[in-house]
Amino acid sequence: MTNPRDRKSVLIVDDEVGIRDLMQRLFARRGLHLTIVTNVAEALAAIGSGRFDLLISDLSLPNGDGAKIVSAFRERFPRAPIILMSGAFPPEAQMRSLQALGVCATFAKPFNIRDIESAVFQALKIA
């Protein structure tokens, strides 16, 4: 049996309940430890108190800018990969600055679940 401390820990941020439920079902059954939050404030609190191997975040949140989450995550976890998803990505210049922070993949909603699953396991180096 896998030691719980060896489980990869993922922070998921999305305001859409359907996306959160999908991520929960998909990744929990694969043994990942998930922290799922709905907004910028909850994400920043989780980043401040948790330990994460990966961030999966929506950029378009109703109560704030997802870029704040990316910046805070990168500051606390300098080597951890980041995957972004959004129904509407920001202008190209802002996307370049986010990619400079180490974003390894971006997905436009609606996305193919197999594509994001593959990106997550590749980012975490899980077969």
Protein backbone atom coordinates (compact mmCIF):
# COMPACT_ATOMS: atom_id res chain seq x y z
CA MET A 1 0.00 0.00 0.00
CA THR A 2 1.20 3.52 -0.83
CA ASN A 3 2.30 5.69 2.05
CA PRO A 4 -0.11 8.68 2.27
CA ARG A 5 2.90 10.99 2.43
CA ASP A 6 3.98 9.69 -0.98
CA ARG A 7 0.66 10.59 -2.63
CA LYS A 8 0.79 13.52 -5.02
CA SER A 9 -1.18 16.50 -3.79
CA VAL A 10 -3.16 18.66 -6.23
CA LEU A 11 -4.87 22.01 -5.66
CA ILE A 12 -7.87 22.45 -7.95
CA VAL A 13 -9.57 25.86 -8.26
CA ASP A 14 -12.81 26.27 -10.20
CA ASP A 15 -16.11 28.00 -9.57
CA GLU A 16 -18.10 25.53 -11.70
CA VAL A 17 -19.51 22.64 -9.68
CA GLY A 18 -19.52 20.33 -12.72
CA ILE A 19 -15.79 20.83 -13.29
CA ARG A 20 -15.02 20.32 -9.60
CA ASP A 21 -17.07 17.11 -9.48
CA LEU A 22 -15.46 15.80 -12.65
CA MET A 23 -11.94 16.46 -11.33
CA GLN A 24 -12.85 14.84 -8.00
CA ARG A 25 -14.11 11.66 -9.66
CA LEU A 26 -11.30 11.45 -12.19
CA PHE A 27 -8.28 12.11 -10.00
CA ALA A 28 -9.32 10.76 -6.58
CA ARG A 29 -9.78 7.28 -8.00
CA ARG A 30 -6.19 7.48 -9.30
CA GLY A 31 -4.91 8.01 -5.75
CA LEU A 32 -4.17 11.73 -5.85
CA HIS A 33 -4.77 13.81 -2.74
CA LEU A 34 -7.08 16.63 -3.82
CA THR A 35 -7.83 20.00 -2.30
CA ILE A 36 -10.70 21.57 -4.23
CA VAL A 37 -11.69 25.21 -3.73
CA THR A 38 -14.07 27.58 -5.48
CA ASN A 39 -12.48 31.04 -5.42
CA VAL A 40 -9.33 33.14 -5.14
CA ALA A 41 -9.55 33.67 -1.37
CA GLU A 42 -9.90 29.94 -0.67
CA ALA A 43 -7.07 29.16 -3.09
CA LEU A 44 -4.71 31.65 -1.45
CA ALA A 45 -5.54 30.24 1.99
CA ALA A 46 -4.88 26.68 0.77
CA ILE A 47 -1.59 27.72 -0.83
CA GLY A 48 -0.52 29.35 2.42
CA SER A 49 -1.29 26.34 4.57
CA GLY A 50 -0.84 23.31 2.31
CA ARG A 51 1.77 21.40 0.34
CA PHE A 52 1.03 20.84 -3.33
CA ASP A 53 2.69 19.08 -6.23
CA LEU A 54 0.41 20.60 -8.90
CA LEU A 55 -2.03 23.46 -9.42
CA ILE A 56 -5.01 23.13 -11.76
CA SER A 57 -6.83 26.46 -11.87
CA ASP A 58 -9.50 28.29 -13.77
CA LEU A 59 -8.32 31.76 -14.75
CA SER A 60 -11.79 33.29 -15.04
CA LEU A 61 -13.19 33.39 -11.54
CA PRO A 62 -16.12 35.62 -10.58
CA ASN A 63 -14.51 37.02 -7.42
CA GLY A 64 -10.99 37.73 -8.58
CA ASP A 65 -8.17 37.16 -11.01
CA GLY A 66 -6.84 33.62 -11.32
CA ALA A 67 -3.44 35.13 -12.14
CA LYS A 68 -3.11 35.97 -8.40
CA ILE A 69 -3.41 32.27 -7.66
CA VAL A 70 -0.70 31.42 -10.19
CA SER A 71 1.68 34.03 -8.75
CA ALA A 72 1.12 32.95 -5.14
CA PHE A 73 1.47 29.27 -6.04
CA ARG A 74 4.69 29.86 -7.96
CA GLU A 75 6.16 31.86 -5.08
CA ARG A 76 5.41 29.11 -2.54
CA PHE A 77 6.08 26.10 -4.82
CA PRO A 78 8.76 27.21 -7.30
CA ARG A 79 9.13 23.87 -9.09
CA ALA A 80 5.57 22.55 -9.08
CA PRO A 81 3.76 22.47 -12.43
CA ILE A 82 0.70 24.58 -13.18
CA ILE A 83 -2.19 23.77 -15.51
CA LEU A 84 -4.68 26.49 -16.44
CA MET A 85 -8.17 26.24 -17.86
CA SER A 86 -10.62 28.94 -18.86
CA GLY A 87 -13.66 29.71 -20.92
CA ALA A 88 -11.94 32.92 -22.01
CA PHE A 89 -8.18 33.31 -21.86
CA PRO A 90 -6.69 36.77 -21.24
CA PRO A 91 -4.85 38.83 -23.86
CA GLU A 92 -1.67 37.37 -25.30
CA ALA A 93 0.66 39.59 -23.24
CA GLN A 94 -0.88 38.42 -19.96
CA MET A 95 -0.71 34.80 -21.11
CA ARG A 96 3.01 35.21 -21.87
CA SER A 97 3.60 36.51 -18.34
CA LEU A 98 1.66 33.57 -16.89
CA GLN A 99 3.63 31.11 -19.02
CA ALA A 100 6.83 32.73 -17.75
CA LEU A 101 5.69 31.63 -14.28
CA GLY A 102 5.88 28.02 -15.39
CA VAL A 103 2.46 27.15 -16.74
CA CYS A 104 2.95 23.77 -18.42
CA ALA A 105 -0.46 23.43 -20.10
CA THR A 106 -3.58 25.44 -20.88
CA PHE A 107 -7.06 24.16 -21.70
CA ALA A 108 -9.97 26.08 -23.18
CA LYS A 109 -13.36 25.08 -21.79
CA PRO A 110 -14.97 22.88 -22.78
CA PHE A 111 -11.97 20.57 -22.89
CA ASN A 112 -11.45 16.90 -23.61
CA ILE A 113 -11.15 15.18 -20.24
CA ARG A 114 -8.61 12.68 -21.57
CA ASP A 115 -6.36 15.57 -22.66
CA ILE A 116 -6.35 17.17 -19.21
CA GLU A 117 -5.94 13.77 -17.56
CA SER A 118 -2.88 13.13 -19.73
CA ALA A 119 -1.44 16.58 -18.94
CA VAL A 120 -1.91 16.03 -15.20
CA PHE A 121 -0.18 12.66 -15.16
CA GLN A 122 2.60 13.93 -17.40
CA ALA A 123 3.12 16.97 -15.14
CA LEU A 124 3.23 14.71 -12.08
CA LYS A 125 5.31 12.08 -13.92
CA ILE A 126 2.75 9.34 -13.19
CA ALA A 127 2.15 6.50 -15.65
